């Protein structure tokens, strides 16, 4: 019942915003643009997947699109390209050599 009422309210708000999007901005209003996101991604998922995503977003009190965007960004950050992995391996090797040199120069 509450969910249906919320969905109707959100639909009315969306319809109002859509029908009034070309109206001039009210005097005193401040317009901001968050970030530089210019690309949009549309994905299809099962009802169960969407419901699960929605539950997590509600629990974290954030919009569902923000949650999905954050999860995608986290996954992309952990993937790393082969070049990044190679550079990291080189850096670790250099640090290992430096630590070894430090350890051998210290009195025991």
Protein backbone atom coordinates (compact mmCIF):
# COMPACT_ATOMS: atom_id res chain seq x y z
CA UNK A 1 0.00 0.00 0.00
CA UNK A 2 2.70 2.47 1.01
CA UNK A 3 4.89 1.40 -1.89
CA UNK A 4 2.06 1.94 -4.40
CA UNK A 5 1.35 5.37 -2.94
CA UNK A 6 5.03 6.26 -3.14
CA UNK A 7 5.23 5.07 -6.74
CA UNK A 8 2.16 7.18 -7.68
CA UNK A 9 3.66 10.21 -5.97
CA UNK A 10 7.01 9.75 -7.71
CA UNK A 11 5.25 9.31 -11.05
CA UNK A 12 3.31 12.56 -10.53
CA UNK A 13 6.51 14.40 -9.61
CA UNK A 14 8.32 13.01 -12.65
CA UNK A 15 5.46 13.97 -14.96
CA UNK A 16 5.38 17.49 -13.50
CA UNK A 17 9.14 17.90 -13.84
CA UNK A 18 9.05 16.60 -17.41
CA UNK A 19 6.22 18.92 -18.44
CA UNK A 20 7.85 21.97 -16.83
CA UNK A 21 11.49 21.38 -17.77
CA UNK A 22 11.59 24.26 -20.26
CA UNK A 23 10.20 26.87 -17.89
CA UNK A 24 12.58 29.64 -16.84
CA UNK A 25 14.47 29.10 -13.61
CA UNK A 26 12.99 31.02 -10.71
CA UNK A 27 14.85 34.10 -9.56
CA UNK A 28 17.07 33.29 -6.59
CA UNK A 29 17.47 29.66 -7.58
CA UNK A 30 20.97 28.24 -7.68
CA UNK A 31 21.71 25.75 -10.43
CA UNK A 32 24.47 23.23 -9.82
CA UNK A 33 25.76 20.31 -11.82
CA UNK A 34 27.31 17.49 -9.86
CA UNK A 35 30.33 15.93 -11.49
CA UNK A 36 31.09 15.65 -15.15
CA UNK A 37 28.97 12.63 -15.96
CA UNK A 38 27.75 12.90 -19.51
CA UNK A 39 27.13 9.29 -20.48
CA UNK A 40 24.06 7.30 -19.57
CA UNK A 41 23.88 3.52 -19.27
CA UNK A 42 20.64 1.59 -19.42
CA UNK A 43 20.65 -2.02 -18.25
CA UNK A 44 18.08 -4.78 -17.99
CA UNK A 45 17.86 -6.97 -14.93
CA UNK A 46 15.44 -9.43 -13.44
CA UNK A 47 12.79 -8.30 -11.00
CA UNK A 48 14.66 -10.15 -8.25
CA UNK A 49 17.94 -8.38 -9.06
CA UNK A 50 16.22 -5.00 -9.15
CA UNK A 51 14.43 -5.68 -5.85
CA UNK A 52 17.70 -6.72 -4.21
CA UNK A 53 19.42 -3.57 -5.48
CA UNK A 54 16.49 -1.48 -4.29
CA UNK A 55 16.59 -3.06 -0.81
CA UNK A 56 20.28 -2.26 -0.41
CA UNK A 57 19.78 1.31 -1.65
CA UNK A 58 16.91 1.84 0.79
CA UNK A 59 18.96 0.38 3.64
CA UNK A 60 21.83 2.74 2.83
CA UNK A 61 19.40 5.63 2.26
CA UNK A 62 20.81 6.47 -1.17
CA UNK A 63 19.25 6.55 -4.64
CA UNK A 64 19.35 3.23 -6.47
CA UNK A 65 21.23 4.78 -9.41
CA UNK A 66 23.95 6.07 -7.07
CA UNK A 67 24.35 2.63 -5.52
CA UNK A 68 24.65 0.99 -8.93
CA UNK A 69 27.12 3.65 -10.10
CA UNK A 70 29.25 3.19 -6.96
CA UNK A 71 29.29 -0.58 -7.35
CA UNK A 72 30.32 -0.30 -10.99
CA UNK A 73 33.06 2.20 -10.08
CA UNK A 74 34.34 -0.13 -7.33
CA UNK A 75 34.47 -3.07 -9.73
CA UNK A 76 36.28 -1.03 -12.36
CA UNK A 77 38.79 0.15 -9.76
CA UNK A 78 39.62 -3.43 -8.77
CA UNK A 79 39.97 -4.71 -12.33
CA UNK A 80 43.08 -2.76 -13.34
CA UNK A 81 44.63 -3.04 -16.75
CA UNK A 82 47.63 -5.32 -17.43
CA UNK A 83 49.79 -2.22 -17.71
CA UNK A 84 48.70 -1.09 -14.25
CA UNK A 85 49.46 -4.54 -12.85
CA UNK A 86 52.89 -4.58 -14.52
CA UNK A 87 53.71 -1.12 -13.16
CA UNK A 88 52.60 -2.18 -9.71
CA UNK A 89 54.72 -5.34 -9.89
CA UNK A 90 57.75 -3.24 -10.90
CA UNK A 91 57.14 -0.85 -8.01
CA UNK A 92 56.85 -3.75 -5.56
CA UNK A 93 60.11 -5.24 -6.88
CA UNK A 94 61.92 -1.92 -6.39
CA UNK A 95 60.54 -1.59 -2.86
CA UNK A 96 61.57 -5.17 -2.06
CA UNK A 97 65.13 -4.41 -3.22
CA UNK A 98 65.23 -1.25 -1.10
CA UNK A 99 63.92 -3.09 1.96
CA UNK A 100 66.46 -5.85 1.42
CA UNK A 101 69.26 -3.29 1.16
CA UNK A 102 68.06 -1.56 4.32
CA UNK A 103 67.83 -4.84 6.20
CA UNK A 104 71.34 -5.91 5.19
CA UNK A 105 72.86 -2.55 6.16
CA UNK A 106 71.41 -2.58 9.69
CA UNK A 107 73.37 -4.12 12.52
CA UNK A 108 71.69 -7.19 14.00
